[in-house]
Amino acid sequence: MQEEAVRWSIKVSKDTDLTLRSYLGARGAKSGAPAKFIEEPVRRRVLQCTVQDIRARNTDTDPEEIQRIVDEAVSEVRAERRAKQKAG
């Protein structure tokens, strides 16, 4: 399934633009390459920020309690997968 693209309007320095386009052009990249080039780092940064927020929120939580919650969630997902595999 292909995701619907959304247009962004962003500003970068002319030097950054030329550097990126030169880099991508030297590798034979096509017209949509700058967008594809920045999508992965944006996703990675959002994930990093999310992890930082969760860690800050759970600073005072007992690590054993967090592990218990994680173990419980993993067990539930595994049970659901096994049930789907048996049904399918």
PDB file of N, CA and C in Angstrom:
ATOM      1  N   MET A   1       0.843  -1.174   0.000  1.00  0.00           N
ATOM      2  CA  MET A   1       0.000   0.000   0.000  1.00  0.00           C
ATOM      3  C   MET A   1       0.891   1.241   0.000  1.00  0.00           C
ATOM      4  N   GLN A   2       0.658   2.143  -0.928  1.00  0.00           N
ATOM      5  CA  GLN A   2       1.458   3.348  -1.048  1.00  0.00           C
ATOM      6  C   GLN A   2       0.807   4.487  -0.270  1.00  0.00           C
ATOM      7  N   GLU A   3       1.623   5.221   0.480  1.00  0.00           N
ATOM      8  CA  GLU A   3       1.105   6.333   1.265  1.00  0.00           C
ATOM      9  C   GLU A   3       0.882   7.546   0.384  1.00  0.00           C
ATOM     10  N   GLU A   4      -0.106   8.336   0.742  1.00  0.00           N
ATOM     11  CA  GLU A   4      -0.376   9.574   0.026  1.00  0.00           C
ATOM     12  C   GLU A   4       0.686  10.604   0.410  1.00  0.00           C
ATOM     13  N   ALA A   5       1.247  11.258  -0.591  1.00  0.00           N
ATOM     14  CA  ALA A   5       2.278  12.265  -0.337  1.00  0.00           C
ATOM     15  C   ALA A   5       1.629  13.601   0.037  1.00  0.00           C
ATOM     16  N   VAL A   6       2.320  14.343   0.887  1.00  0.00           N
ATOM     17  CA  VAL A   6       1.885  15.672   1.312  1.00  0.00           C
ATOM     18  C   VAL A   6       3.010  16.639   0.988  1.00  0.00           C
ATOM     19  N   ARG A   7       2.670  17.780   0.441  1.00  0.00           N
ATOM     20  CA  ARG A   7       3.681  18.771   0.080  1.00  0.00           C
ATOM     21  C   ARG A   7       4.029  19.632   1.280  1.00  0.00           C
ATOM     22  N   TRP A   8       5.324  19.803   1.512  1.00  0.00           N
ATOM     23  CA  TRP A   8       5.832  20.685   2.555  1.00  0.00           C
ATOM     24  C   TRP A   8       6.454  21.899   1.897  1.00  0.00           C
ATOM     25  N   SER A   9       6.368  23.013   2.568  1.00  0.00           N
ATOM     26  CA  SER A   9       7.106  24.208   2.143  1.00  0.00           C
ATOM     27  C   SER A   9       8.117  24.501   3.244  1.00  0.00           C
ATOM     28  N   ILE A  10       9.375  24.291   2.931  1.00  0.00           N
ATOM     29  CA  ILE A  10      10.431  24.550   3.913  1.00  0.00           C
ATOM     30  C   ILE A  10      11.487  25.439   3.280  1.00  0.00           C
ATOM     31  N   LYS A  11      12.227  26.108   4.127  1.00  0.00           N
ATOM     32  CA  LYS A  11      13.314  26.960   3.642  1.00  0.00           C
ATOM     33  C   LYS A  11      14.623  26.431   4.195  1.00  0.00           C
ATOM     34  N   VAL A  12      15.600  26.322   3.316  1.00  0.00           N
ATOM     35  CA  VAL A  12      16.965  25.971   3.701  1.00  0.00           C
ATOM     36  C   VAL A  12      17.893  26.961   3.019  1.00  0.00           C
ATOM     37  N   SER A  13      19.113  27.016   3.492  1.00  0.00           N
ATOM     38  CA  SER A  13      20.065  27.928   2.867  1.00  0.00           C
ATOM     39  C   SER A  13      20.356  27.482   1.433  1.00  0.00           C
ATOM     40  N   LYS A  14      20.747  28.428   0.620  1.00  0.00           N
ATOM     41  CA  LYS A  14      21.085  28.112  -0.770  1.00  0.00           C
ATOM     42  C   LYS A  14      22.238  27.111  -0.812  1.00  0.00           C
ATOM     43  N   ASP A  15      23.197  27.277   0.094  1.00  0.00           N
ATOM     44  CA  ASP A  15      24.340  26.363   0.155  1.00  0.00           C
ATOM     45  C   ASP A  15      23.885  24.930   0.452  1.00  0.00           C
ATOM     46  N   THR A  16      22.963  24.771   1.406  1.00  0.00           N
ATOM     47  CA  THR A  16      22.443  23.445   1.738  1.00  0.00           C
ATOM     48  C   THR A  16      21.721  22.845   0.540  1.00  0.00           C
ATOM     49  N   ASP A  17      20.921  23.641  -0.140  1.00  0.00           N
ATOM     50  CA  ASP A  17      20.195  23.176  -1.314  1.00  0.00           C
ATOM     51  C   ASP A  17      21.158  22.690  -2.396  1.00  0.00           C
ATOM     52  N   LEU A  18      22.156  23.502  -2.688  1.00  0.00           N
ATOM     53  CA  LEU A  18      23.120  23.133  -3.727  1.00  0.00           C
ATOM     54  C   LEU A  18      23.929  21.899  -3.337  1.00  0.00           C
ATOM     55  N   THR A  19      24.309  21.829  -2.080  1.00  0.00           N
ATOM     56  CA  THR A  19      25.069  20.680  -1.606  1.00  0.00           C
ATOM     57  C   THR A  19      24.258  19.396  -1.743  1.00  0.00           C
ATOM     58  N   LEU A  20      23.001  19.441  -1.310  1.00  0.00           N
ATOM     59  CA  LEU A  20      22.150  18.254  -1.397  1.00  0.00           C
ATOM     60  C   LEU A  20      21.895  17.866  -2.850  1.00  0.00           C
ATOM     61  N   ARG A  21      21.551  18.833  -3.680  1.00  0.00           N
ATOM     62  CA  ARG A  21      21.259  18.529  -5.082  1.00  0.00           C
ATOM     63  C   ARG A  21      22.505  17.998  -5.804  1.00  0.00           C
ATOM     64  N   SER A  22      23.667  18.548  -5.475  1.00  0.00           N
ATOM     65  CA  SER A  22      24.911  18.048  -6.078  1.00  0.00           C
ATOM     66  C   SER A  22      25.179  16.615  -5.637  1.00  0.00           C
ATOM     67  N   TYR A  23      25.001  16.364  -4.364  1.00  0.00           N
ATOM     68  CA  TYR A  23      25.213  15.028  -3.823  1.00  0.00           C
ATOM     69  C   TYR A  23      24.282  14.020  -4.495  1.00  0.00           C
ATOM     70  N   LEU A  24      23.004  14.353  -4.551  1.00  0.00           N
ATOM     71  CA  LEU A  24      22.033  13.443  -5.147  1.00  0.00           C
ATOM     72  C   LEU A  24      22.235  13.303  -6.655  1.00  0.00           C
ATOM     73  N   GLY A  25      22.549  14.414  -7.330  1.00  0.00           N
ATOM     74  CA  GLY A  25      22.772  14.379  -8.768  1.00  0.00           C
ATOM     75  C   GLY A  25      23.951  13.509  -9.140  1.00  0.00           C
ATOM     76  N   ALA A  26      24.990  13.532  -8.326  1.00  0.00           N
ATOM     77  CA  ALA A  26      26.174  12.726  -8.594  1.00  0.00           C
ATOM     78  C   ALA A  26      25.872  11.228  -8.485  1.00  0.00           C
ATOM     79  N   ARG A  27      24.767  10.916  -7.820  1.00  0.00           N
ATOM     80  CA  ARG A  27      24.376   9.518  -7.662  1.00  0.00           C
ATOM     81  C   ARG A  27      23.208   9.140  -8.568  1.00  0.00           C
ATOM     82  N   GLY A  28      22.901  10.014  -9.510  1.00  0.00           N
ATOM     83  CA  GLY A  28      21.854   9.724 -10.487  1.00  0.00           C
ATOM     84  C   GLY A  28      20.444   9.780  -9.940  1.00  0.00           C
ATOM     85  N   ALA A  29      20.257  10.509  -8.849  1.00  0.00           N
ATOM     86  CA  ALA A  29      18.927  10.603  -8.239  1.00  0.00           C
ATOM     87  C   ALA A  29      17.970  11.380  -9.130  1.00  0.00           C
ATOM     88  N   LYS A  30      16.686  11.085  -8.971  1.00  0.00           N
ATOM     89  CA  LYS A  30      15.657  11.724  -9.783  1.00  0.00           C
ATOM     90  C   LYS A  30      15.016  12.892  -9.042  1.00  0.00           C
ATOM     91  N   SER A  31      13.982  13.479  -9.629  1.00  0.00           N
ATOM     92  CA  SER A  31      13.409  14.734  -9.124  1.00  0.00           C
ATOM     93  C   SER A  31      12.862  14.665  -7.697  1.00  0.00           C
ATOM     94  N   GLY A  32      12.308  13.565  -7.252  1.00  0.00           N
ATOM     95  CA  GLY A  32      11.758  13.487  -5.900  1.00  0.00           C
ATOM     96  C   GLY A  32      12.776  13.127  -4.843  1.00  0.00           C
ATOM     97  N   ALA A  33      14.030  13.055  -5.229  1.00  0.00           N
ATOM     98  CA  ALA A  33      15.080  12.586  -4.320  1.00  0.00           C
ATOM     99  C   ALA A  33      15.264  13.426  -3.062  1.00  0.00           C
ATOM    100  N   PRO A  34      15.219  14.768  -3.132  1.00  0.00           N
ATOM    101  CA  PRO A  34      15.394  15.524  -1.881  1.00  0.00           C
ATOM    102  C   PRO A  34      14.348  15.167  -0.823  1.00  0.00           C
ATOM    103  N   ALA A  35      13.106  14.994  -1.231  1.00  0.00           N
ATOM    104  CA  ALA A  35      12.061  14.639  -0.273  1.00  0.00           C
ATOM    105  C   ALA A  35      12.329  13.268   0.330  1.00  0.00           C
ATOM    106  N   LYS A  36      12.688  12.318  -0.501  1.00  0.00           N
ATOM    107  CA  LYS A  36      12.978  10.970  -0.001  1.00  0.00           C
ATOM    108  C   LYS A  36      14.199  10.988   0.913  1.00  0.00           C
ATOM    109  N   PHE A  37      15.168  11.839   0.574  1.00  0.00           N
ATOM    110  CA  PHE A  37      16.400  11.930   1.344  1.00  0.00           C
ATOM    111  C   PHE A  37      16.127  12.413   2.770  1.00  0.00           C
ATOM    112  N   ILE A  38      15.202  13.362   2.943  1.00  0.00           N
ATOM    113  CA  ILE A  38      14.961  13.915   4.275  1.00  0.00           C
ATOM    114  C   ILE A  38      13.904  13.149   5.076  1.00  0.00           C
ATOM    115  N   GLU A  39      13.105  12.322   4.419  1.00  0.00           N
ATOM    116  CA  GLU A  39      12.030  11.641   5.148  1.00  0.00           C
ATOM    117  C   GLU A  39      12.561  10.708   6.231  1.00  0.00           C
ATOM    118  N   GLU A  40      13.563   9.904   5.936  1.00  0.00           N
ATOM    119  CA  GLU A  40      14.084   8.964   6.934  1.00  0.00           C
ATOM    120  C   GLU A  40      14.662   9.681   8.158  1.00  0.00           C
ATOM    121  N   PRO A  41      15.522  10.707   7.980  1.00  0.00           N
ATOM    122  CA  PRO A  41      16.028  11.399   9.173  1.00  0.00           C
ATOM    123  C   PRO A  41      14.923  12.080   9.991  1.00  0.00           C
ATOM    124  N   VAL A  42      13.877  12.567   9.326  1.00  0.00           N
ATOM    125  CA  VAL A  42      12.769  13.181  10.058  1.00  0.00           C
ATOM    126  C   VAL A  42      12.076  12.126  10.917  1.00  0.00           C
ATOM    127  N   ARG A  43      11.813  10.961  10.334  1.00  0.00           N
ATOM    128  CA  ARG A  43      11.187   9.880  11.099  1.00  0.00           C
ATOM    129  C   ARG A  43      12.066   9.464  12.279  1.00  0.00           C
ATOM    130  N   ARG A  44      13.365   9.364  12.034  1.00  0.00           N
ATOM    131  CA  ARG A  44      14.305   8.969  13.085  1.00  0.00           C
ATOM    132  C   ARG A  44      14.303   9.992  14.224  1.00  0.00           C
ATOM    133  N   ARG A  45      14.285  11.275  13.879  1.00  0.00           N
ATOM    134  CA  ARG A  45      14.311  12.334  14.894  1.00  0.00           C
ATOM    135  C   ARG A  45      13.022  12.348  15.714  1.00  0.00           C
ATOM    136  N   VAL A  46      11.892  12.134  15.056  1.00  0.00           N
ATOM    137  CA  VAL A  46      10.622  12.071  15.782  1.00  0.00           C
ATOM    138  C   VAL A  46      10.651  10.903  16.767  1.00  0.00           C
ATOM    139  N   LEU A  47      11.171   9.760  16.343  1.00  0.00           N
ATOM    140  CA  LEU A  47      11.288   8.610  17.234  1.00  0.00           C
ATOM    141  C   LEU A  47      12.198   8.935  18.417  1.00  0.00           C
ATOM    142  N   GLN A  48      13.338   9.569  18.163  1.00  0.00           N
ATOM    143  CA  GLN A  48      14.256   9.943  19.247  1.00  0.00           C
ATOM    144  C   GLN A  48      13.575  10.866  20.255  1.00  0.00           C
ATOM    145  N   CYS A  49      12.851  11.855  19.761  1.00  0.00           N
ATOM    146  CA  CYS A  49      12.149  12.791  20.650  1.00  0.00           C
ATOM    147  C   CYS A  49      11.076  12.077  21.461  1.00  0.00           C
ATOM    148  N   THR A  50      10.374  11.157  20.828  1.00  0.00           N
ATOM    149  CA  THR A  50       9.340  10.390  21.523  1.00  0.00           C
ATOM    150  C   THR A  50       9.953   9.560  22.643  1.00  0.00           C
ATOM    151  N   VAL A  51      11.070   8.899  22.363  1.00  0.00           N
ATOM    152  CA  VAL A  51      11.758   8.090  23.377  1.00  0.00           C
ATOM    153  C   VAL A  51      12.227   8.977  24.527  1.00  0.00           C
ATOM    154  N   GLN A  52      12.782  10.143  24.214  1.00  0.00           N
ATOM    155  CA  GLN A  52      13.222  11.070  25.266  1.00  0.00           C
ATOM    156  C   GLN A  52      12.053  11.499  26.143  1.00  0.00           C
ATOM    157  N   ASP A  53      10.921  11.806  25.512  1.00  0.00           N
ATOM    158  CA  ASP A  53       9.732  12.204  26.274  1.00  0.00           C
ATOM    159  C   ASP A  53       9.262  11.088  27.197  1.00  0.00           C
ATOM    160  N   ILE A  54       9.248   9.867  26.687  1.00  0.00           N
ATOM    161  CA  ILE A  54       8.808   8.726  27.493  1.00  0.00           C
ATOM    162  C   ILE A  54       9.774   8.487  28.646  1.00  0.00           C
ATOM    163  N   ARG A  55      11.068   8.580  28.371  1.00  0.00           N
ATOM    164  CA  ARG A  55      12.058   8.389  29.445  1.00  0.00           C
ATOM    165  C   ARG A  55      11.890   9.453  30.529  1.00  0.00           C
ATOM    166  N   ALA A  56      11.689  10.702  30.120  1.00  0.00           N
ATOM    167  CA  ALA A  56      11.512  11.788  31.092  1.00  0.00           C
ATOM    168  C   ALA A  56      10.245  11.566  31.924  1.00  0.00           C
ATOM    169  N   ARG A  57       9.191  11.119  31.266  1.00  0.00           N
ATOM    170  CA  ARG A  57       7.923  10.883  31.950  1.00  0.00           C
ATOM    171  C   ARG A  57       8.033   9.730  32.955  1.00  0.00           C
ATOM    172  N   ASN A  58       8.917   8.771  32.676  1.00  0.00           N
ATOM    173  CA  ASN A  58       9.027   7.580  33.517  1.00  0.00           C
ATOM    174  C   ASN A  58      10.255   7.574  34.423  1.00  0.00           C
ATOM    175  N   THR A  59      10.864   8.728  34.603  1.00  0.00           N
ATOM    176  CA  THR A  59      12.080   8.820  35.423  1.00  0.00           C
ATOM    177  C   THR A  59      11.884   8.242  36.817  1.00  0.00           C
ATOM    178  N   ASP A  60      10.736   8.502  37.409  1.00  0.00           N
ATOM    179  CA  ASP A  60      10.497   8.055  38.782  1.00  0.00           C
ATOM    180  C   ASP A  60       9.808   6.693  38.863  1.00  0.00           C
ATOM    181  N   THR A  61       9.617   6.044  37.736  1.00  0.00           N
ATOM    182  CA  THR A  61       8.954   4.742  37.728  1.00  0.00           C
ATOM    183  C   THR A  61       9.969   3.636  37.978  1.00  0.00           C
ATOM    184  N   ASP A  62       9.578   2.670  38.759  1.00  0.00           N
ATOM    185  CA  ASP A  62      10.431   1.527  39.088  1.00  0.00           C
ATOM    186  C   ASP A  62      10.752   0.746  37.810  1.00  0.00           C
ATOM    187  N   PRO A  63      12.042   0.512  37.514  1.00  0.00           N
ATOM    188  CA  PRO A  63      12.421  -0.230  36.306  1.00  0.00           C
ATOM    189  C   PRO A  63      11.791  -1.620  36.228  1.00  0.00           C
ATOM    190  N   GLU A  64      11.610  -2.261  37.354  1.00  0.00           N
ATOM    191  CA  GLU A  64      10.979  -3.580  37.346  1.00  0.00           C
ATOM    192  C   GLU A  64       9.514  -3.486  36.924  1.00  0.00           C
ATOM    193  N   GLU A  65       8.844  -2.422  37.309  1.00  0.00           N
ATOM    194  CA  GLU A  65       7.453  -2.212  36.907  1.00  0.00           C
ATOM    195  C   GLU A  65       7.371  -1.982  35.395  1.00  0.00           C
ATOM    196  N   ILE A  66       8.293  -1.194  34.867  1.00  0.00           N
ATOM    197  CA  ILE A  66       8.332  -0.968  33.419  1.00  0.00           C
ATOM    198  C   ILE A  66       8.572  -2.285  32.696  1.00  0.00           C
ATOM    199  N   GLN A  67       9.500  -3.089  33.179  1.00  0.00           N
ATOM    200  CA  GLN A  67       9.785  -4.383  32.549  1.00  0.00           C
ATOM    201  C   GLN A  67       8.562  -5.292  32.599  1.00  0.00           C
ATOM    202  N   ARG A  68       7.840  -5.280  33.718  1.00  0.00           N
ATOM    203  CA  ARG A  68       6.627  -6.094  33.843  1.00  0.00           C
ATOM    204  C   ARG A  68       5.591  -5.670  32.803  1.00  0.00           C
ATOM    205  N   ILE A  69       5.421  -4.365  32.612  1.00  0.00           N
ATOM    206  CA  ILE A  69       4.464  -3.847  31.636  1.00  0.00           C
ATOM    207  C   ILE A  69       4.873  -4.248  30.221  1.00  0.00           C
ATOM    208  N   VAL A  70       6.166  -4.123  29.917  1.00  0.00           N
ATOM    209  CA  VAL A  70       6.670  -4.501  28.589  1.00  0.00           C
ATOM    210  C   VAL A  70       6.470  -5.993  28.355  1.00  0.00           C
ATOM    211  N   ASP A  71       6.832  -6.814  29.337  1.00  0.00           N
ATOM    212  CA  ASP A  71       6.678  -8.263  29.204  1.00  0.00           C
ATOM    213  C   ASP A  71       5.218  -8.650  28.975  1.00  0.00           C
ATOM    214  N   GLU A  72       4.328  -7.991  29.688  1.00  0.00           N
ATOM    215  CA  GLU A  72       2.893  -8.265  29.544  1.00  0.00           C
ATOM    216  C   GLU A  72       2.412  -7.907  28.139  1.00  0.00           C
ATOM    217  N   ALA A  73       2.835  -6.755  27.638  1.00  0.00           N
ATOM    218  CA  ALA A  73       2.427  -6.326  26.292  1.00  0.00           C
ATOM    219  C   ALA A  73       2.977  -7.276  25.227  1.00  0.00           C
ATOM    220  N   VAL A  74       4.223  -7.674  25.371  1.00  0.00           N
ATOM    221  CA  VAL A  74       4.829  -8.601  24.405  1.00  0.00           C
ATOM    222  C   VAL A  74       4.091  -9.937  24.432  1.00  0.00           C
ATOM    223  N   SER A  75       3.744 -10.420  25.595  1.00  0.00           N
ATOM    224  CA  SER A  75       3.010 -11.682  25.704  1.00  0.00           C
ATOM    225  C   SER A  75       1.652 -11.592  25.017  1.00  0.00           C
ATOM    226  N   GLU A  76       0.962 -10.470  25.191  1.00  0.00           N
ATOM    227  CA  GLU A  76      -0.337 -10.279  24.548  1.00  0.00           C
ATOM    228  C   GLU A  76      -0.212 -10.286  23.027  1.00  0.00           C
ATOM    229  N   VAL A  77       0.782  -9.578  22.509  1.00  0.00           N
ATOM    230  CA  VAL A  77       0.983  -9.524  21.060  1.00  0.00           C
ATOM    231  C   VAL A  77       1.329 -10.896  20.520  1.00  0.00           C
ATOM    232  N   ARG A  78       2.189 -11.616  21.201  1.00  0.00           N
ATOM    233  CA  ARG A  78       2.564 -12.958  20.753  1.00  0.00           C
ATOM    234  C   ARG A  78       1.353 -13.893  20.764  1.00  0.00           C
ATOM    235  N   ALA A  79       0.520 -13.787  21.777  1.00  0.00           N
ATOM    236  CA  ALA A  79      -0.674 -14.625  21.848  1.00  0.00           C
ATOM    237  C   ALA A  79      -1.621 -14.306  20.691  1.00  0.00           C
ATOM    238  N   GLU A  80      -1.767 -13.027  20.375  1.00  0.00           N
ATOM    239  CA  GLU A  80      -2.616 -12.629  19.249  1.00  0.00           C
ATOM    240  C   GLU A  80      -2.069 -13.175  17.932  1.00  0.00           C
ATOM    241  N   ARG A  81      -0.752 -13.100  17.756  1.00  0.00           N
ATOM    242  CA  ARG A  81      -0.131 -13.622  16.529  1.00  0.00           C
ATOM    243  C   ARG A  81      -0.326 -15.126  16.394  1.00  0.00           C
ATOM    244  N   ARG A  82      -0.132 -15.837  17.498  1.00  0.00           N
ATOM    245  CA  ARG A  82      -0.327 -17.294  17.466  1.00  0.00           C
ATOM    246  C   ARG A  82      -1.768 -17.634  17.108  1.00  0.00           C
ATOM    247  N   ALA A  83      -2.705 -16.888  17.668  1.00  0.00           N
ATOM    248  CA  ALA A  83      -4.121 -17.134  17.389  1.00  0.00           C
ATOM    249  C   ALA A  83      -4.424 -16.870  15.903  1.00  0.00           C
ATOM    250  N   LYS A  84      -3.850 -15.820  15.347  1.00  0.00           N
ATOM    251  CA  LYS A  84      -4.054 -15.507  13.931  1.00  0.00           C
ATOM    252  C   LYS A  84      -3.425 -16.571  13.047  1.00  0.00           C
ATOM    253  N   GLN A  85      -2.243 -17.071  13.426  1.00  0.00           N
ATOM    254  CA  GLN A  85      -1.573 -18.105  12.634  1.00  0.00           C
ATOM    255  C   GLN A  85      -2.372 -19.402  12.639  1.00  0.00           C
ATOM    256  N   LYS A  86      -2.945 -19.748  13.773  1.00  0.00           N
ATOM    257  CA  LYS A  86      -3.749 -20.965  13.866  1.00  0.00           C
ATOM    258  C   LYS A  86      -5.033 -20.823  13.048  1.00  0.00           C
ATOM    259  N   ALA A  87      -5.602 -19.611  13.057  1.00  0.00           N
ATOM    260  CA  ALA A  87      -6.839 -19.370  12.320  1.00  0.00           C
ATOM    261  C   ALA A  87      -6.594 -19.296  10.816  1.00  0.00           C
ATOM    262  N   GLY A  88      -5.414 -18.839  10.411  1.00  0.00           N
ATOM    263  CA  GLY A  88      -5.096 -18.630   9.001  1.00  0.00           C
ATOM    264  C   GLY A  88      -4.353 -19.762   8.449  1.00  0.00           C
TER     265      GLY A  88
END
